[in-house]
Amino acid sequence: MIDLRLLREDPDRVRASQRARGEDVALVDSLLSADERRRSSGVRFDELRAEQKSLGKLIPKASADEKAELLKKAGQLAADVKTADAERDAADTETQELLLRLGNLVHPDVPVGGEEDFVTRETHGTIRDFGAEGFEPRDHLELGQLLGAIDVERGAKVSGSRFYFLTGVGALLELALVNAAIAQATAAGFTPMLTPALVRPQSMAGTGFLGQAAQDVYHLANDDLYLVGTSEVPLAAYHMDEIIDAERLPLRYAGFSPCFRREAGSHGKDTKGIFRVHQFDKVEMFSYVAPEDSQAEHQRLLEWEKQWLTSLELPFRVIDVATGDLGASAARKFDCEAWIPTQGKYRELTSTSDCTEFQSRRLSIRVREGKTVRPLATLNGTLCAVPRTIVAILENHQQADGSVRVPEVLRPYLGGREVLEPAAK
């Protein structure tokens, strides 16, 4: 959530942010009104309580005639205090509910618009010319089946559409990717973490995933627990309700977890193969920093993502995501999109978001500097979303005979194997 003081002092900035996101601008005025009622009813309650306490001191000293009048007044005051207390609680509840619906303030440099209004910041690597090499590239599913690496038919039989098995070298390739990603993150100073896949409502809501993204979240109603769509959720909630000494910052974690997404709004999109699925594994970077350091940390996370994709020898570009595609928590987001030959376009492989103080305020995570305690900033960055990375590796490093060259960074984790060969019939 944003700082209420900022809302009061500069409501036009908040309105502009909502407008840029394509969200409800009227929410700002509703929130201002609720906040004013909350504060005025709080003042009214305090005044009545003070009067009630003063009256309580007079009653024992009063004469019999005075006491009857004072008791009558005390009864009325008690009723007024109760009413003021209820009004204060109602206004506070409304304020908090409205505040939770408000997205983070977008960074002023974020391009305004929808999903297609991003700005390309940089491009890396060389796109292969398969025609010049003399063969038509196969898609990742055909390659995965040739290699004995991907089985979507049995995935659908066992679990339904958009589930899959990774088999043989497919399973080994995932383990190699995860180990290589964790090795890079550890070398960069991240603490490796294996995180819970189920979280409580306050953890999911605190990270901002029960608003506009709620349709893609799996909820276990009998237990009131949520399956995470990313380890960002448990990593953000890891320090919930804590005060962290400034000397400990930055705190950096690299979480590995299964991820679950309903993809409710994605029917008919990327249904072939393993590009868009309901369950996958991911290595996620997560940082806690002082608010004034968040933009620099955002650039560092992006550099680690670029280092990773470069080590996999993938052609990719970096885009500055537009306001309407940020998600509620992010003030700014950069995506790294790898080239997918058979689709003829770049597709998202990694993403990094600067969430400023938005999540820490909702999760009550603060930093202590001397006698000052204040919210800190949180940031997240995908290092390796496994299925999409496998898609990019298979398609970009394929050879004419259906084999796939293994990027050098992964070879130590595949027993030195340099090529994935088609499986024997």
Protein backbone atom coordinates (compact mmCIF):
# COMPACT_ATOMS: atom_id res chain seq x y z
CA MET A 1 0.00 0.00 0.00
CA ILE A 2 1.07 3.59 -0.43
CA ASP A 3 1.75 6.14 2.33
CA LEU A 4 -1.49 7.86 3.39
CA ARG A 5 0.43 11.05 4.11
CA LEU A 6 1.57 11.18 0.49
CA LEU A 7 -2.03 10.68 -0.60
CA ARG A 8 -3.18 13.65 1.49
CA GLU A 9 -0.28 15.92 0.45
CA ASP A 10 -0.24 15.09 -3.28
CA PRO A 11 -3.49 13.39 -4.36
CA ASP A 12 -2.97 14.50 -7.98
CA ARG A 13 0.16 12.36 -8.18
CA VAL A 14 -1.83 9.34 -7.02
CA ARG A 15 -4.64 10.12 -9.47
CA ALA A 16 -2.10 10.37 -12.30
CA SER A 17 -0.64 7.00 -11.32
CA GLN A 18 -4.07 5.36 -11.29
CA ARG A 19 -4.91 6.93 -14.65
CA ALA A 20 -1.64 5.68 -16.17
CA ARG A 21 -2.37 2.17 -14.91
CA GLY A 22 -5.84 2.24 -16.44
CA GLU A 23 -7.29 1.85 -12.95
CA ASP A 24 -10.17 3.59 -11.15
CA VAL A 25 -9.20 7.23 -10.49
CA ALA A 26 -12.34 7.82 -8.37
CA LEU A 27 -10.86 5.42 -5.83
CA VAL A 28 -8.48 8.21 -4.77
CA ASP A 29 -11.31 10.55 -3.75
CA SER A 30 -13.19 7.75 -1.99
CA LEU A 31 -10.05 6.98 -0.03
CA LEU A 32 -9.45 10.63 0.86
CA SER A 33 -13.04 10.89 2.13
CA ALA A 34 -12.76 7.71 4.22
CA ASP A 35 -9.43 8.85 5.66
CA GLU A 36 -10.92 12.21 6.65
CA ARG A 37 -13.84 10.44 8.40
CA ARG A 38 -11.36 8.12 10.11
CA ARG A 39 -9.30 10.99 11.47
CA SER A 40 -12.25 13.20 12.49
CA SER A 41 -14.05 10.32 14.21
CA GLY A 42 -10.81 9.47 15.99
CA VAL A 43 -10.52 13.04 17.29
CA ARG A 44 -14.18 12.97 18.35
CA PHE A 45 -13.63 9.68 20.20
CA ASP A 46 -10.57 11.03 22.03
CA GLU A 47 -12.42 14.18 23.09
CA LEU A 48 -15.39 12.23 24.42
CA ARG A 49 -13.12 9.78 26.28
CA ALA A 50 -11.27 12.67 27.91
CA GLU A 51 -14.57 14.25 28.96
CA GLN A 52 -15.76 10.89 30.26
CA LYS A 53 -12.64 10.46 32.41
CA SER A 54 -12.92 14.00 33.81
CA LEU A 55 -16.56 13.42 34.68
CA GLY A 56 -15.66 10.14 36.35
CA LYS A 57 -13.38 12.02 38.75
CA LEU A 58 -16.12 14.52 39.66
CA ILE A 59 -18.85 12.02 40.55
CA PRO A 60 -17.33 10.68 43.82
CA LYS A 61 -16.89 14.26 45.13
CA ALA A 62 -20.33 15.54 44.12
CA SER A 63 -23.26 16.17 46.45
CA ALA A 64 -26.30 13.94 46.24
CA ASP A 65 -28.21 16.40 44.05
CA GLU A 66 -25.22 17.00 41.75
CA LYS A 67 -24.41 13.30 41.55
CA ALA A 68 -27.74 12.39 39.99
CA GLU A 69 -27.24 14.95 37.23
CA LEU A 70 -23.63 13.88 36.69
CA LEU A 71 -24.62 10.20 36.47
CA LYS A 72 -27.23 11.06 33.87
CA LYS A 73 -24.60 12.94 31.89
CA ALA A 74 -22.15 10.04 32.30
CA GLY A 75 -24.72 7.66 30.84
CA GLN A 76 -25.16 9.87 27.78
CA LEU A 77 -21.39 10.20 27.43
CA ALA A 78 -20.96 6.44 27.57
CA ALA A 79 -23.43 6.06 24.69
CA ASP A 80 -21.68 8.82 22.72
CA VAL A 81 -18.28 7.20 23.28
CA LYS A 82 -19.61 3.87 22.06
CA THR A 83 -21.06 5.49 18.93
CA ALA A 84 -17.85 7.42 18.22
CA ASP A 85 -15.81 4.25 18.69
CA ALA A 86 -17.99 2.37 16.20
CA GLU A 87 -17.77 5.25 13.69
CA ARG A 88 -13.98 5.33 14.07
CA ASP A 89 -13.68 1.57 13.54
CA ALA A 90 -15.98 1.64 10.50
CA ALA A 91 -14.07 4.52 8.91
CA ASP A 92 -10.74 2.82 9.65
CA THR A 93 -11.94 -0.46 8.10
CA GLU A 94 -13.18 1.36 4.99
CA THR A 95 -9.90 3.27 4.69
CA GLN A 96 -7.84 0.08 4.88
CA GLU A 97 -10.06 -1.74 2.38
CA LEU A 98 -9.79 1.12 -0.12
CA LEU A 99 -6.06 1.48 0.47
CA LEU A 100 -5.53 -2.19 -0.36
CA ARG A 101 -7.25 -1.66 -3.72
CA LEU A 102 -4.85 1.11 -4.73
CA GLY A 103 -1.87 0.15 -6.90
CA ASN A 104 1.69 1.27 -6.24
CA LEU A 105 2.74 4.67 -7.56
CA VAL A 106 4.33 4.22 -10.96
CA HIS A 107 7.83 5.54 -11.55
CA PRO A 108 7.74 8.74 -13.68
CA ASP A 109 9.98 7.16 -16.35
CA VAL A 110 7.66 4.20 -17.01
CA PRO A 111 6.13 4.33 -20.53
CA VAL A 112 2.39 4.97 -20.40
CA GLY A 113 0.04 2.51 -22.09
CA GLY A 114 -0.93 -1.14 -22.36
CA GLU A 115 0.88 -4.41 -22.96
CA GLU A 116 2.20 -3.42 -26.41
CA ASP A 117 3.39 0.06 -25.37
CA PHE A 118 6.68 -1.07 -23.82
CA VAL A 119 10.00 0.56 -24.71
CA THR A 120 12.94 -1.61 -25.83
CA ARG A 121 16.02 -0.66 -23.81
CA GLU A 122 18.63 -2.98 -25.33
CA THR A 123 19.11 -6.08 -27.47
CA HIS A 124 21.67 -8.87 -26.98
CA GLY A 125 22.93 -11.81 -29.01
CA THR A 126 22.44 -12.81 -32.63
CA ILE A 127 19.29 -14.40 -34.02
CA ARG A 128 20.15 -17.49 -36.04
CA ASP A 129 19.31 -17.66 -39.72
CA PHE A 130 18.12 -21.26 -40.01
CA GLY A 131 17.43 -20.81 -43.72
CA ALA A 132 21.09 -19.99 -44.29
CA GLU A 133 22.00 -23.10 -42.30
CA GLY A 134 19.85 -25.17 -44.60
CA PHE A 135 17.02 -26.44 -42.37
CA GLU A 136 13.65 -25.47 -40.96
CA PRO A 137 13.70 -25.14 -37.15
CA ARG A 138 11.51 -27.52 -35.14
CA ASP A 139 9.41 -26.17 -32.28
CA HIS A 140 10.24 -27.05 -28.69
CA LEU A 141 7.54 -29.71 -28.40
CA GLU A 142 8.73 -31.63 -31.45
CA LEU A 143 12.31 -31.38 -30.21
CA GLY A 144 11.29 -32.42 -26.71
CA GLN A 145 9.54 -35.49 -28.06
CA LEU A 146 12.54 -36.41 -30.26
CA LEU A 147 14.81 -36.14 -27.24
CA GLY A 148 12.44 -38.08 -24.98
CA ALA A 149 12.38 -34.97 -22.79
CA ILE A 150 8.76 -33.71 -22.76
CA ASP A 151 5.50 -35.65 -22.47
CA VAL A 152 2.42 -33.43 -22.60
CA GLU A 153 -0.02 -36.17 -23.60
CA ARG A 154 0.47 -38.10 -20.38
CA GLY A 155 0.58 -34.82 -18.45
CA ALA A 156 -2.92 -34.08 -19.77
CA LYS A 157 -4.06 -37.64 -19.05
CA VAL A 158 -2.89 -37.46 -15.44
CA SER A 159 -3.68 -33.83 -14.56
CA GLY A 160 -5.47 -32.10 -17.43
CA SER A 161 -4.44 -29.53 -20.02
CA ARG A 162 -1.33 -27.42 -19.47
CA PHE A 163 0.38 -30.04 -17.32
CA TYR A 164 3.37 -32.04 -18.49
CA PHE A 165 6.09 -34.50 -17.59
CA LEU A 166 9.78 -33.76 -18.06
CA THR A 167 11.40 -37.12 -18.73
CA GLY A 168 14.95 -38.36 -19.21
CA VAL A 169 17.20 -35.55 -20.42
CA GLY A 170 14.28 -33.14 -19.91
CA ALA A 171 14.34 -33.81 -16.17
CA LEU A 172 18.14 -33.61 -16.15
CA LEU A 173 18.01 -30.31 -18.05
CA GLU A 174 15.70 -28.80 -15.43
CA LEU A 175 18.01 -29.90 -12.61
CA ALA A 176 21.00 -28.48 -14.49
CA LEU A 177 19.24 -25.14 -14.98
CA VAL A 178 18.21 -24.91 -11.34
CA ASN A 179 21.68 -25.81 -10.06
CA ALA A 180 23.41 -23.38 -12.42
CA ALA A 181 21.00 -20.57 -11.52
CA ILE A 182 21.42 -21.15 -7.78
CA ALA A 183 25.21 -21.26 -8.27
CA GLN A 184 25.14 -17.86 -10.01
CA ALA A 185 22.86 -16.37 -7.33
CA THR A 186 25.00 -17.75 -4.50
CA ALA A 187 28.16 -16.34 -6.10
CA ALA A 188 26.41 -12.95 -6.23
CA GLY A 189 25.70 -13.08 -2.49
CA PHE A 190 22.13 -14.39 -2.41
CA THR A 191 21.11 -16.82 0.32
CA PRO A 192 19.56 -19.94 -1.28
CA MET A 193 16.05 -20.70 0.01
CA LEU A 194 13.60 -23.57 -0.45
CA THR A 195 10.23 -21.97 0.23
CA PRO A 196 6.70 -23.16 1.12
CA ALA A 197 4.29 -23.60 -1.79
CA LEU A 198 1.25 -22.91 0.41
CA VAL A 199 0.77 -19.59 2.21
CA ARG A 200 -1.81 -17.90 4.39
CA PRO A 201 -4.13 -15.18 3.05
CA GLN A 202 -2.17 -12.36 4.72
CA SER A 203 0.98 -13.44 2.89
CA MET A 204 -0.74 -13.55 -0.49
CA ALA A 205 -2.62 -10.28 0.06
CA GLY A 206 0.46 -8.59 1.47
CA THR A 207 2.41 -9.11 -1.72
CA GLY A 208 -0.46 -7.79 -3.85
CA PHE A 209 -1.63 -11.00 -5.52
CA LEU A 210 -5.24 -10.98 -4.31
CA GLY A 211 -6.27 -7.91 -6.27
CA GLN A 212 -6.26 -7.85 -10.06
CA ALA A 213 -4.24 -11.12 -10.16
CA ALA A 214 -6.65 -13.08 -7.94
CA GLN A 215 -8.24 -14.91 -10.87
CA ASP A 216 -4.94 -16.72 -11.52
CA VAL A 217 -4.43 -17.87 -7.91
CA TYR A 218 -5.33 -21.36 -6.66
CA HIS A 219 -7.15 -21.28 -3.31
CA LEU A 220 -7.64 -24.30 -1.02
CA ALA A 221 -10.90 -23.26 0.61
CA ASN A 222 -11.00 -26.01 3.24
CA ASP A 223 -7.64 -24.89 4.64
CA ASP A 224 -7.80 -21.20 3.64
CA LEU A 225 -4.38 -21.49 2.07
CA TYR A 226 -3.12 -20.34 -1.33
CA LEU A 227 -0.77 -22.07 -3.76
CA VAL A 228 1.94 -19.58 -4.70
CA GLY A 229 2.45 -18.49 -8.29
CA THR A 230 6.01 -17.46 -7.44
CA SER A 231 8.36 -17.77 -4.46
CA GLU A 232 8.23 -13.96 -4.35
CA VAL A 233 5.23 -14.45 -2.03
CA PRO A 234 6.87 -16.50 0.75
CA LEU A 235 10.14 -14.56 0.36
CA ALA A 236 8.31 -11.24 0.81
CA ALA A 237 6.39 -12.60 3.81
CA TYR A 238 9.53 -14.16 5.33
CA HIS A 239 10.18 -11.00 7.39
CA MET A 240 6.50 -10.11 7.92
CA ASP A 241 5.88 -8.15 11.16
CA GLU A 242 9.62 -7.69 11.72
CA ILE A 243 11.96 -4.73 12.23
CA ILE A 244 15.33 -5.22 10.51
CA ASP A 245 18.45 -3.32 11.59
CA ALA A 246 19.77 -1.14 8.77
CA GLU A 247 23.24 -2.70 9.10
CA ARG A 248 21.81 -6.01 7.81
CA LEU A 249 20.66 -4.51 4.51
CA PRO A 250 20.65 -5.43 1.73
CA LEU A 251 19.13 -8.84 2.37
CA ARG A 252 19.09 -10.99 -0.76
CA TYR A 253 17.43 -14.39 -1.13
CA ALA A 254 17.26 -16.82 -4.05
CA GLY A 255 14.15 -18.97 -3.70
CA PHE A 256 13.48 -22.20 -5.53
CA SER A 257 9.88 -23.40 -5.55
CA PRO A 258 7.09 -24.94 -7.57
CA CYS A 259 4.72 -22.28 -8.93
CA PHE A 260 1.01 -22.67 -9.64
CA ARG A 261 -1.07 -20.44 -11.92
CA ARG A 262 -4.62 -20.91 -13.14
CA GLU A 263 -3.94 -18.72 -16.21
CA ALA A 264 -7.64 -17.97 -16.15
CA GLY A 265 -7.39 -15.16 -18.67
CA SER A 266 -5.15 -17.01 -21.11
CA HIS A 267 -7.47 -19.47 -22.85
CA GLY A 268 -6.27 -20.17 -26.36
CA LYS A 269 -2.88 -18.52 -25.79
CA ASP A 270 0.32 -20.58 -26.01
CA THR A 271 -1.53 -23.82 -25.37
CA LYS A 272 0.95 -25.92 -27.33
CA GLY A 273 3.83 -27.47 -25.40
CA ILE A 274 5.17 -26.10 -22.13
CA PHE A 275 5.37 -22.34 -22.71
CA ARG A 276 2.28 -21.44 -20.63
CA VAL A 277 1.43 -24.06 -18.01
CA HIS A 278 -0.35 -24.40 -14.67
CA GLN A 279 2.63 -25.74 -12.70
CA PHE A 280 6.33 -25.07 -13.11
CA ASP A 281 9.53 -24.58 -11.12
CA LYS A 282 11.38 -21.30 -10.79
CA VAL A 283 14.43 -19.70 -9.20
CA GLU A 284 13.49 -16.22 -7.96
CA MET A 285 15.72 -13.44 -6.64
CA PHE A 286 14.34 -11.25 -3.86
CA SER A 287 15.90 -8.19 -2.20
CA TYR A 288 15.18 -6.07 0.86
CA VAL A 289 16.88 -2.65 0.69
CA ALA A 290 16.57 0.89 2.04
CA PRO A 291 13.99 2.81 -0.06
CA GLU A 292 16.61 5.19 -1.44
CA ASP A 293 18.59 2.21 -2.78
CA SER A 294 15.73 0.50 -4.62
CA GLN A 295 16.39 1.91 -8.09
CA ALA A 296 20.07 0.92 -7.96
CA GLU A 297 19.09 -2.55 -6.72
CA HIS A 298 16.60 -2.83 -9.57
CA GLN A 299 19.42 -2.27 -12.05
CA ARG A 300 21.55 -4.88 -10.25
CA LEU A 301 18.77 -7.48 -10.49
CA LEU A 302 18.43 -6.73 -14.19
CA GLU A 303 22.18 -7.17 -14.68
CA TRP A 304 22.06 -10.59 -12.96
CA GLU A 305 19.21 -11.63 -15.26
CA LYS A 306 21.16 -10.46 -18.30
CA GLN A 307 24.24 -12.34 -17.06
CA TRP A 308 22.15 -15.51 -16.78
CA LEU A 309 20.59 -15.30 -20.24
CA THR A 310 23.95 -14.42 -21.78
CA SER A 311 25.51 -17.48 -20.13
CA LEU A 312 22.78 -19.59 -21.78
CA GLU A 313 23.82 -18.07 -25.13
CA LEU A 314 20.30 -16.88 -25.89
CA PRO A 315 19.42 -13.85 -28.04
CA PHE A 316 17.22 -11.54 -25.97
CA ARG A 317 16.01 -8.00 -25.50
CA VAL A 318 15.22 -5.91 -22.41
CA ILE A 319 11.99 -3.95 -22.30
CA ASP A 320 10.65 -1.26 -19.97
CA VAL A 321 7.13 -2.51 -19.25
CA ALA A 322 4.30 0.00 -19.74
CA THR A 323 2.09 1.26 -16.91
CA GLY A 324 -0.96 -0.83 -17.78
CA ASP A 325 1.04 -4.07 -17.61
CA LEU A 326 2.94 -3.53 -14.36
CA GLY A 327 0.83 -5.41 -11.84
CA ALA A 328 -0.39 -3.78 -8.61
CA SER A 329 2.85 -4.03 -6.62
CA ALA A 330 5.43 -2.78 -9.11
CA ALA A 331 6.46 0.86 -9.50
CA ARG A 332 8.62 -0.19 -12.46
CA LYS A 333 9.32 -3.48 -14.23
CA PHE A 334 11.88 -4.68 -16.74
CA ASP A 335 11.36 -7.88 -18.74
CA CYS A 336 14.03 -9.88 -20.54
CA GLU A 337 12.49 -11.55 -23.57
CA ALA A 338 14.28 -14.35 -25.43
CA TRP A 339 13.90 -14.92 -29.16
CA ILE A 340 11.78 -17.99 -29.93
CA PRO A 341 12.60 -19.04 -33.52
CA THR A 342 9.38 -20.90 -34.41
CA GLN A 343 7.23 -18.06 -33.06
CA GLY A 344 9.33 -15.46 -34.84
CA LYS A 345 9.26 -13.09 -31.87
CA TYR A 346 10.67 -12.33 -28.46
CA ARG A 347 8.88 -13.82 -25.44
CA GLU A 348 9.26 -13.07 -21.74
CA LEU A 349 11.75 -15.26 -19.87
CA THR A 350 12.59 -13.13 -16.86
CA SER A 351 11.09 -10.11 -15.14
CA THR A 352 12.30 -7.81 -12.36
CA SER A 353 10.12 -5.38 -10.39
CA ASP A 354 10.85 -2.55 -8.01
CA CYS A 355 7.98 -2.63 -5.52
CA THR A 356 9.36 0.27 -3.44
CA GLU A 357 7.60 0.33 -0.02
CA PHE A 358 4.30 -1.09 -1.31
CA GLN A 359 4.70 -4.67 -0.02
CA SER A 360 6.56 -3.79 3.17
CA ARG A 361 3.75 -1.50 4.31
CA ARG A 362 1.18 -4.23 3.74
CA LEU A 363 3.33 -6.86 5.45
CA SER A 364 4.57 -4.55 8.24
CA ILE A 365 8.28 -4.96 7.48
CA ARG A 366 10.42 -2.05 8.63
CA VAL A 367 14.04 -1.00 8.94
CA ARG A 368 15.58 0.54 12.08
CA GLU A 369 18.19 3.27 11.66
CA GLY A 370 19.18 4.58 15.08
CA LYS A 371 15.92 5.72 16.66
CA THR A 372 14.09 5.90 13.34
CA VAL A 373 11.88 3.04 12.15
CA ARG A 374 10.41 3.16 8.64
CA PRO A 375 9.21 0.84 5.84
CA LEU A 376 11.88 -0.61 3.58
CA ALA A 377 11.78 -1.46 -0.14
CA THR A 378 11.33 -4.90 -1.69
CA LEU A 379 12.31 -6.05 -5.18
CA ASN A 380 11.98 -9.31 -7.08
CA GLY A 381 13.54 -10.76 -10.17
CA THR A 382 13.08 -14.04 -12.03
CA LEU A 383 16.39 -15.78 -12.56
CA CYS A 384 15.11 -18.97 -14.17
CA ALA A 385 11.51 -19.93 -14.98
CA VAL A 386 12.29 -23.49 -16.03
CA PRO A 387 9.79 -24.45 -18.79
CA ARG A 388 10.16 -21.23 -20.78
CA THR A 389 13.94 -21.43 -20.46
CA ILE A 390 13.85 -25.01 -21.77
CA VAL A 391 11.70 -23.80 -24.69
CA ALA A 392 14.29 -21.13 -25.54
CA ILE A 393 17.27 -23.48 -25.19
CA LEU A 394 15.77 -26.26 -27.31
CA GLU A 395 14.70 -23.95 -30.12
CA ASN A 396 17.77 -21.70 -30.24
CA HIS A 397 20.40 -24.45 -29.85
CA GLN A 398 18.81 -27.12 -32.02
CA GLN A 399 20.71 -28.79 -34.84
CA ALA A 400 19.52 -30.20 -38.16
CA ASP A 401 19.38 -33.81 -36.91
CA GLY A 402 17.11 -32.92 -33.97
CA SER A 403 19.91 -32.86 -31.40
CA VAL A 404 20.42 -29.81 -29.17
CA ARG A 405 23.73 -28.21 -28.24
CA VAL A 406 24.15 -27.71 -24.49
CA PRO A 407 25.31 -24.21 -23.43
CA GLU A 408 28.70 -24.40 -21.78
CA VAL A 409 27.42 -23.09 -18.42
CA LEU A 410 25.14 -26.14 -18.07
CA ARG A 411 27.62 -28.84 -19.06
CA PRO A 412 29.13 -29.36 -15.57
CA TYR A 413 25.60 -30.08 -14.33
CA LEU A 414 24.93 -32.58 -17.13
CA GLY A 415 27.98 -34.75 -16.58
CA GLY A 416 29.96 -32.83 -19.19
CA ARG A 417 27.42 -33.57 -21.92
CA GLU A 418 27.82 -31.19 -24.87
CA VAL A 419 24.84 -32.34 -26.95
CA LEU A 420 21.42 -33.74 -26.18
CA GLU A 421 20.84 -36.53 -28.67
CA PRO A 422 17.48 -37.78 -30.00
CA ALA A 423 16.27 -40.77 -28.03
CA ALA A 424 16.54 -44.21 -29.59
CA LYS A 425 13.22 -45.43 -31.01
